[in-house]
N, C-alpha and C. Protein backbone atom coordinates (compact mmCIF):
# COMPACT_ATOMS: atom_id res chain seq x y z
N MET A 1 -26.93 -30.11 -90.21
CA MET A 1 -25.69 -30.34 -89.49
C MET A 1 -25.53 -29.33 -88.37
N ILE A 2 -25.26 -29.83 -87.21
CA ILE A 2 -25.08 -28.97 -86.04
C ILE A 2 -23.84 -28.10 -86.19
N SER A 3 -22.77 -28.68 -86.70
CA SER A 3 -21.52 -27.92 -86.85
C SER A 3 -21.71 -26.73 -87.79
N ALA A 4 -22.59 -26.83 -88.75
CA ALA A 4 -22.86 -25.71 -89.67
C ALA A 4 -23.43 -24.52 -88.92
N LEU A 5 -24.28 -24.77 -87.93
CA LEU A 5 -24.84 -23.70 -87.12
C LEU A 5 -23.73 -22.91 -86.44
N TYR A 6 -22.80 -23.62 -85.81
CA TYR A 6 -21.72 -22.96 -85.08
C TYR A 6 -20.70 -22.34 -86.02
N ALA A 7 -20.48 -22.94 -87.17
CA ALA A 7 -19.60 -22.33 -88.18
C ALA A 7 -20.16 -20.98 -88.62
N GLY A 8 -21.48 -20.93 -88.82
CA GLY A 8 -22.12 -19.68 -89.22
C GLY A 8 -22.02 -18.61 -88.16
N ILE A 9 -22.29 -18.97 -86.93
CA ILE A 9 -22.22 -18.00 -85.82
C ILE A 9 -20.79 -17.49 -85.65
N LEU A 10 -19.83 -18.41 -85.67
CA LEU A 10 -18.43 -18.01 -85.50
C LEU A 10 -17.94 -17.17 -86.67
N ALA A 11 -18.43 -17.43 -87.87
CA ALA A 11 -18.08 -16.61 -89.03
C ALA A 11 -18.58 -15.18 -88.82
N LEU A 12 -19.78 -15.04 -88.27
CA LEU A 12 -20.31 -13.69 -87.99
C LEU A 12 -19.47 -12.97 -86.93
N LEU A 13 -18.96 -13.72 -85.96
CA LEU A 13 -18.07 -13.12 -84.96
C LEU A 13 -16.81 -12.59 -85.63
N ILE A 14 -16.24 -13.36 -86.55
CA ILE A 14 -15.05 -12.91 -87.27
C ILE A 14 -15.34 -11.66 -88.08
N VAL A 15 -16.49 -11.63 -88.75
CA VAL A 15 -16.87 -10.45 -89.54
C VAL A 15 -17.02 -9.23 -88.64
N TRP A 16 -17.66 -9.39 -87.48
CA TRP A 16 -17.83 -8.27 -86.54
C TRP A 16 -16.47 -7.75 -86.09
N LEU A 17 -15.56 -8.66 -85.74
CA LEU A 17 -14.22 -8.23 -85.31
C LEU A 17 -13.47 -7.56 -86.46
N SER A 18 -13.67 -8.03 -87.69
CA SER A 18 -13.04 -7.42 -88.86
C SER A 18 -13.57 -6.01 -89.09
N PHE A 19 -14.88 -5.84 -88.97
CA PHE A 19 -15.47 -4.50 -89.11
C PHE A 19 -14.92 -3.55 -88.04
N ASN A 20 -14.69 -4.07 -86.85
CA ASN A 20 -14.12 -3.25 -85.78
C ASN A 20 -12.72 -2.77 -86.15
N VAL A 21 -11.92 -3.63 -86.75
CA VAL A 21 -10.58 -3.25 -87.21
C VAL A 21 -10.68 -2.17 -88.28
N ILE A 22 -11.58 -2.37 -89.23
CA ILE A 22 -11.76 -1.39 -90.31
C ILE A 22 -12.19 -0.04 -89.75
N LYS A 23 -13.12 -0.07 -88.81
CA LYS A 23 -13.60 1.18 -88.19
C LYS A 23 -12.45 1.93 -87.52
N LEU A 24 -11.62 1.21 -86.79
CA LEU A 24 -10.51 1.85 -86.08
C LEU A 24 -9.43 2.33 -87.05
N ARG A 25 -9.20 1.59 -88.14
CA ARG A 25 -8.23 2.06 -89.13
C ARG A 25 -8.71 3.37 -89.76
N ARG A 26 -9.98 3.41 -90.09
CA ARG A 26 -10.53 4.65 -90.68
C ARG A 26 -10.46 5.81 -89.69
N ALA A 27 -10.85 5.56 -88.45
CA ALA A 27 -10.86 6.61 -87.44
C ALA A 27 -9.46 7.15 -87.17
N ASN A 28 -8.46 6.29 -87.28
CA ASN A 28 -7.08 6.70 -86.99
C ASN A 28 -6.25 6.94 -88.24
N LYS A 29 -6.93 6.88 -89.42
CA LYS A 29 -6.27 7.11 -90.71
C LYS A 29 -5.04 6.22 -90.90
N VAL A 30 -5.22 4.93 -90.60
CA VAL A 30 -4.16 3.93 -90.77
C VAL A 30 -4.54 3.06 -91.95
N ILE A 31 -3.73 3.06 -92.99
CA ILE A 31 -4.03 2.30 -94.20
C ILE A 31 -3.65 0.83 -94.05
N LEU A 32 -2.49 0.58 -93.44
CA LEU A 32 -1.99 -0.78 -93.31
C LEU A 32 -1.34 -0.93 -91.94
N GLY A 33 -1.50 -2.08 -91.35
CA GLY A 33 -0.90 -2.32 -90.04
C GLY A 33 -1.69 -1.66 -88.93
N ASP A 34 -1.00 -1.30 -87.85
CA ASP A 34 -1.70 -0.73 -86.70
C ASP A 34 -1.34 0.73 -86.43
N GLY A 35 -0.35 1.28 -87.16
CA GLY A 35 0.02 2.68 -87.01
C GLY A 35 0.48 3.05 -85.61
N GLY A 36 0.80 2.05 -84.80
CA GLY A 36 1.22 2.33 -83.42
C GLY A 36 0.08 2.70 -82.50
N VAL A 37 -1.16 2.51 -82.95
CA VAL A 37 -2.35 2.85 -82.15
C VAL A 37 -2.72 1.63 -81.30
N ALA A 38 -2.62 1.80 -79.98
CA ALA A 38 -2.84 0.67 -79.07
C ALA A 38 -4.22 0.04 -79.24
N GLN A 39 -5.25 0.84 -79.36
CA GLN A 39 -6.61 0.31 -79.52
C GLN A 39 -6.73 -0.51 -80.80
N LEU A 40 -6.08 -0.06 -81.86
CA LEU A 40 -6.10 -0.79 -83.12
C LEU A 40 -5.29 -2.08 -83.02
N GLN A 41 -4.16 -2.02 -82.32
CA GLN A 41 -3.36 -3.23 -82.09
C GLN A 41 -4.21 -4.30 -81.38
N ASN A 42 -4.96 -3.89 -80.37
CA ASN A 42 -5.81 -4.83 -79.64
C ASN A 42 -6.91 -5.40 -80.53
N ALA A 43 -7.50 -4.55 -81.36
CA ALA A 43 -8.56 -5.02 -82.25
C ALA A 43 -8.01 -6.02 -83.28
N ILE A 44 -6.83 -5.74 -83.80
CA ILE A 44 -6.21 -6.66 -84.76
C ILE A 44 -5.93 -8.00 -84.09
N ARG A 45 -5.43 -7.99 -82.86
CA ARG A 45 -5.15 -9.25 -82.16
C ARG A 45 -6.43 -9.98 -81.79
N ALA A 46 -7.48 -9.26 -81.46
CA ALA A 46 -8.76 -9.92 -81.16
C ALA A 46 -9.26 -10.66 -82.39
N GLN A 47 -9.16 -10.01 -83.54
CA GLN A 47 -9.57 -10.65 -84.80
C GLN A 47 -8.64 -11.81 -85.13
N GLY A 48 -7.35 -11.59 -85.05
CA GLY A 48 -6.38 -12.63 -85.40
C GLY A 48 -6.46 -13.83 -84.47
N ASN A 49 -6.59 -13.58 -83.19
CA ASN A 49 -6.65 -14.68 -82.24
C ASN A 49 -7.89 -15.53 -82.48
N THR A 50 -8.98 -14.88 -82.80
CA THR A 50 -10.22 -15.62 -83.09
C THR A 50 -10.04 -16.50 -84.32
N THR A 51 -9.42 -15.94 -85.36
CA THR A 51 -9.23 -16.74 -86.57
C THR A 51 -8.20 -17.85 -86.39
N GLU A 52 -7.39 -17.76 -85.36
CA GLU A 52 -6.41 -18.82 -85.08
C GLU A 52 -7.03 -20.03 -84.38
N TYR A 53 -8.02 -19.79 -83.55
CA TYR A 53 -8.60 -20.88 -82.75
C TYR A 53 -9.88 -21.48 -83.33
N ILE A 54 -10.60 -20.72 -84.12
CA ILE A 54 -11.87 -21.23 -84.65
C ILE A 54 -11.68 -22.42 -85.61
N PRO A 55 -10.71 -22.39 -86.53
CA PRO A 55 -10.63 -23.52 -87.48
C PRO A 55 -10.47 -24.89 -86.82
N ILE A 56 -9.57 -25.04 -85.86
CA ILE A 56 -9.38 -26.35 -85.24
C ILE A 56 -10.63 -26.77 -84.48
N THR A 57 -11.29 -25.81 -83.87
CA THR A 57 -12.51 -26.14 -83.14
C THR A 57 -13.60 -26.63 -84.09
N LEU A 58 -13.75 -25.95 -85.23
CA LEU A 58 -14.76 -26.39 -86.20
C LEU A 58 -14.41 -27.74 -86.80
N ILE A 59 -13.15 -27.97 -87.06
CA ILE A 59 -12.74 -29.29 -87.57
C ILE A 59 -13.12 -30.37 -86.56
N LEU A 60 -12.82 -30.13 -85.29
CA LEU A 60 -13.16 -31.10 -84.25
C LEU A 60 -14.67 -31.31 -84.14
N LEU A 61 -15.44 -30.22 -84.23
CA LEU A 61 -16.90 -30.34 -84.18
C LEU A 61 -17.43 -31.14 -85.36
N ILE A 62 -16.93 -30.86 -86.54
CA ILE A 62 -17.39 -31.57 -87.75
C ILE A 62 -17.07 -33.05 -87.66
N LEU A 63 -15.83 -33.37 -87.26
CA LEU A 63 -15.44 -34.77 -87.15
C LEU A 63 -16.25 -35.50 -86.08
N LEU A 64 -16.53 -34.81 -85.00
CA LEU A 64 -17.34 -35.40 -83.94
C LEU A 64 -18.76 -35.67 -84.44
N GLU A 65 -19.28 -34.74 -85.19
CA GLU A 65 -20.62 -34.91 -85.76
C GLU A 65 -20.64 -36.09 -86.73
N LEU A 66 -19.63 -36.19 -87.55
CA LEU A 66 -19.54 -37.30 -88.51
C LEU A 66 -19.37 -38.66 -87.80
N SER A 67 -18.83 -38.61 -86.58
CA SER A 67 -18.66 -39.84 -85.79
C SER A 67 -19.95 -40.26 -85.10
N GLY A 68 -20.97 -39.42 -85.18
CA GLY A 68 -22.24 -39.74 -84.56
C GLY A 68 -22.32 -39.38 -83.09
N ALA A 69 -21.62 -38.35 -82.70
CA ALA A 69 -21.61 -37.93 -81.30
C ALA A 69 -22.99 -37.47 -80.86
N ASN A 70 -23.19 -37.47 -79.58
CA ASN A 70 -24.43 -37.01 -78.97
C ASN A 70 -24.70 -35.56 -79.36
N VAL A 71 -25.93 -35.27 -79.76
CA VAL A 71 -26.32 -33.93 -80.20
C VAL A 71 -26.08 -32.88 -79.11
N TRP A 72 -26.40 -33.21 -77.88
CA TRP A 72 -26.22 -32.23 -76.80
C TRP A 72 -24.75 -31.95 -76.54
N PHE A 73 -23.91 -32.96 -76.69
CA PHE A 73 -22.47 -32.73 -76.53
C PHE A 73 -21.96 -31.76 -77.59
N MET A 74 -22.47 -31.93 -78.80
CA MET A 74 -22.09 -31.03 -79.89
C MET A 74 -22.50 -29.58 -79.56
N HIS A 75 -23.72 -29.42 -79.06
CA HIS A 75 -24.18 -28.07 -78.71
C HIS A 75 -23.37 -27.48 -77.57
N VAL A 76 -23.03 -28.26 -76.60
CA VAL A 76 -22.19 -27.76 -75.49
C VAL A 76 -20.85 -27.27 -76.03
N GLY A 77 -20.24 -28.07 -76.91
CA GLY A 77 -18.97 -27.66 -77.51
C GLY A 77 -19.09 -26.39 -78.34
N GLY A 78 -20.14 -26.31 -79.15
CA GLY A 78 -20.35 -25.13 -79.99
C GLY A 78 -20.62 -23.87 -79.18
N ILE A 79 -21.48 -24.00 -78.19
CA ILE A 79 -21.80 -22.84 -77.34
C ILE A 79 -20.58 -22.42 -76.54
N ALA A 80 -19.83 -23.38 -76.04
CA ALA A 80 -18.65 -23.07 -75.24
C ALA A 80 -17.60 -22.30 -76.04
N ILE A 81 -17.38 -22.71 -77.30
CA ILE A 81 -16.36 -22.00 -78.08
C ILE A 81 -16.82 -20.59 -78.41
N ILE A 82 -18.11 -20.41 -78.64
CA ILE A 82 -18.62 -19.05 -78.88
C ILE A 82 -18.40 -18.19 -77.64
N ILE A 83 -18.77 -18.72 -76.49
CA ILE A 83 -18.61 -17.98 -75.24
C ILE A 83 -17.14 -17.65 -75.00
N GLY A 84 -16.27 -18.64 -75.18
CA GLY A 84 -14.84 -18.41 -74.96
C GLY A 84 -14.27 -17.35 -75.88
N ARG A 85 -14.64 -17.41 -77.15
CA ARG A 85 -14.11 -16.44 -78.12
C ARG A 85 -14.65 -15.03 -77.87
N VAL A 86 -15.93 -14.92 -77.49
CA VAL A 86 -16.51 -13.60 -77.23
C VAL A 86 -15.88 -12.99 -75.98
N ILE A 87 -15.73 -13.79 -74.92
CA ILE A 87 -15.12 -13.27 -73.69
C ILE A 87 -13.69 -12.83 -73.96
N HIS A 88 -12.94 -13.64 -74.69
CA HIS A 88 -11.55 -13.29 -74.99
C HIS A 88 -11.47 -12.01 -75.81
N ALA A 89 -12.30 -11.90 -76.85
CA ALA A 89 -12.30 -10.69 -77.68
C ALA A 89 -12.66 -9.47 -76.84
N LYS A 90 -13.66 -9.62 -75.98
CA LYS A 90 -14.04 -8.50 -75.10
C LYS A 90 -12.87 -8.10 -74.20
N GLY A 91 -12.14 -9.10 -73.71
CA GLY A 91 -10.98 -8.81 -72.87
C GLY A 91 -9.89 -8.07 -73.62
N LEU A 92 -9.62 -8.47 -74.85
CA LEU A 92 -8.62 -7.77 -75.65
C LEU A 92 -9.06 -6.35 -75.98
N LEU A 93 -10.30 -6.21 -76.39
CA LEU A 93 -10.79 -4.90 -76.81
C LEU A 93 -10.91 -3.91 -75.65
N SER A 94 -11.17 -4.42 -74.46
CA SER A 94 -11.31 -3.54 -73.29
C SER A 94 -10.07 -3.54 -72.41
N GLU A 95 -9.02 -4.27 -72.84
CA GLU A 95 -7.78 -4.40 -72.09
C GLU A 95 -8.03 -4.95 -70.69
N ASN A 96 -8.93 -5.92 -70.60
CA ASN A 96 -9.27 -6.56 -69.34
C ASN A 96 -8.61 -7.93 -69.31
N LEU A 97 -7.52 -8.04 -68.55
CA LEU A 97 -6.75 -9.29 -68.51
C LEU A 97 -7.57 -10.45 -67.97
N GLY A 98 -8.44 -10.19 -67.02
CA GLY A 98 -9.28 -11.25 -66.46
C GLY A 98 -10.16 -11.91 -67.51
N TYR A 99 -10.78 -11.09 -68.37
CA TYR A 99 -11.60 -11.63 -69.46
C TYR A 99 -10.75 -12.40 -70.47
N ARG A 100 -9.56 -11.86 -70.76
CA ARG A 100 -8.68 -12.56 -71.70
C ARG A 100 -8.34 -13.94 -71.19
N VAL A 101 -7.96 -14.02 -69.93
CA VAL A 101 -7.57 -15.31 -69.34
C VAL A 101 -8.77 -16.25 -69.31
N LEU A 102 -9.91 -15.77 -68.87
CA LEU A 102 -11.12 -16.61 -68.82
C LEU A 102 -11.49 -17.09 -70.22
N GLY A 103 -11.44 -16.21 -71.20
CA GLY A 103 -11.77 -16.58 -72.57
C GLY A 103 -10.84 -17.66 -73.11
N MET A 104 -9.56 -17.56 -72.80
CA MET A 104 -8.61 -18.58 -73.25
C MET A 104 -8.83 -19.89 -72.49
N GLN A 105 -9.15 -19.81 -71.21
CA GLN A 105 -9.42 -21.04 -70.46
C GLN A 105 -10.62 -21.78 -71.05
N VAL A 106 -11.69 -21.05 -71.31
CA VAL A 106 -12.88 -21.68 -71.91
C VAL A 106 -12.53 -22.27 -73.27
N THR A 107 -11.77 -21.52 -74.07
CA THR A 107 -11.36 -22.00 -75.40
C THR A 107 -10.52 -23.27 -75.29
N PHE A 108 -9.51 -23.25 -74.43
CA PHE A 108 -8.64 -24.43 -74.29
C PHE A 108 -9.40 -25.64 -73.76
N PHE A 109 -10.25 -25.44 -72.76
CA PHE A 109 -11.02 -26.57 -72.23
C PHE A 109 -11.97 -27.13 -73.29
N THR A 110 -12.52 -26.25 -74.11
CA THR A 110 -13.41 -26.71 -75.19
C THR A 110 -12.63 -27.53 -76.21
N ILE A 111 -11.48 -27.04 -76.63
CA ILE A 111 -10.66 -27.77 -77.60
C ILE A 111 -10.22 -29.12 -77.02
N ILE A 112 -9.79 -29.11 -75.77
CA ILE A 112 -9.37 -30.36 -75.12
C ILE A 112 -10.54 -31.34 -75.04
N GLY A 113 -11.72 -30.84 -74.68
CA GLY A 113 -12.91 -31.69 -74.60
C GLY A 113 -13.30 -32.28 -75.95
N LEU A 114 -13.28 -31.44 -76.99
CA LEU A 114 -13.64 -31.92 -78.32
C LEU A 114 -12.59 -32.89 -78.86
N ALA A 115 -11.32 -32.60 -78.61
CA ALA A 115 -10.25 -33.50 -79.06
C ALA A 115 -10.37 -34.85 -78.34
N SER A 116 -10.61 -34.81 -77.04
CA SER A 116 -10.75 -36.05 -76.26
C SER A 116 -11.95 -36.86 -76.74
N ALA A 117 -13.04 -36.18 -77.02
CA ALA A 117 -14.24 -36.87 -77.50
C ALA A 117 -13.98 -37.52 -78.86
N ASN A 118 -13.25 -36.84 -79.73
CA ASN A 118 -12.91 -37.42 -81.03
C ASN A 118 -12.04 -38.67 -80.86
N ILE A 119 -11.08 -38.60 -79.96
CA ILE A 119 -10.23 -39.76 -79.70
C ILE A 119 -11.07 -40.91 -79.15
N PHE A 120 -11.95 -40.60 -78.20
CA PHE A 120 -12.80 -41.63 -77.59
C PHE A 120 -13.68 -42.29 -78.65
N TYR A 121 -14.39 -41.48 -79.44
CA TYR A 121 -15.29 -42.03 -80.46
C TYR A 121 -14.52 -42.87 -81.49
N THR A 122 -13.34 -42.41 -81.87
CA THR A 122 -12.54 -43.17 -82.85
C THR A 122 -12.12 -44.52 -82.28
N LEU A 123 -11.59 -44.51 -81.06
CA LEU A 123 -11.15 -45.76 -80.43
C LEU A 123 -12.33 -46.69 -80.16
N TYR A 124 -13.43 -46.12 -79.72
CA TYR A 124 -14.62 -46.92 -79.44
C TYR A 124 -15.08 -47.64 -80.71
N LYS A 125 -15.14 -46.90 -81.82
CA LYS A 125 -15.58 -47.51 -83.08
C LYS A 125 -14.58 -48.54 -83.60
N MET A 126 -13.30 -48.30 -83.37
CA MET A 126 -12.29 -49.23 -83.82
C MET A 126 -12.37 -50.56 -83.08
N PHE A 127 -12.58 -50.49 -81.77
CA PHE A 127 -12.53 -51.70 -80.96
C PHE A 127 -13.88 -52.34 -80.70
N SER A 128 -14.96 -51.67 -81.08
CA SER A 128 -16.28 -52.27 -80.88
C SER A 128 -16.81 -52.92 -82.16
N ALA A 129 -16.09 -52.76 -83.23
CA ALA A 129 -16.55 -53.31 -84.52
C ALA A 129 -16.27 -54.79 -84.64
């Protein structure tokens, strides 16, 4: 399954962002929350934002795969969400607004594309049967 490949890669991204939060909590001696440390606040949001957008994207990828979508379209969607999430996380961690905006644009366009493709495949199958 193609979606399994991207689920695995995105899971590793979440783990990396989680380790970054743990590292910053240890370095700043913060047991819970962000302790008012700006760098830790950014790391927590980078992790949280990633976990907010990945599930819907994976659901859309899985459903598209189950609908028999074109393999290359699936790869474009999977690669795009990885790129969008990495750029956005880099923007949050480095406080670079340009990267944050670009990362969200790539993420939103990917979700819109996958959602539209799911709608198209569903309607096509309904009316071509």
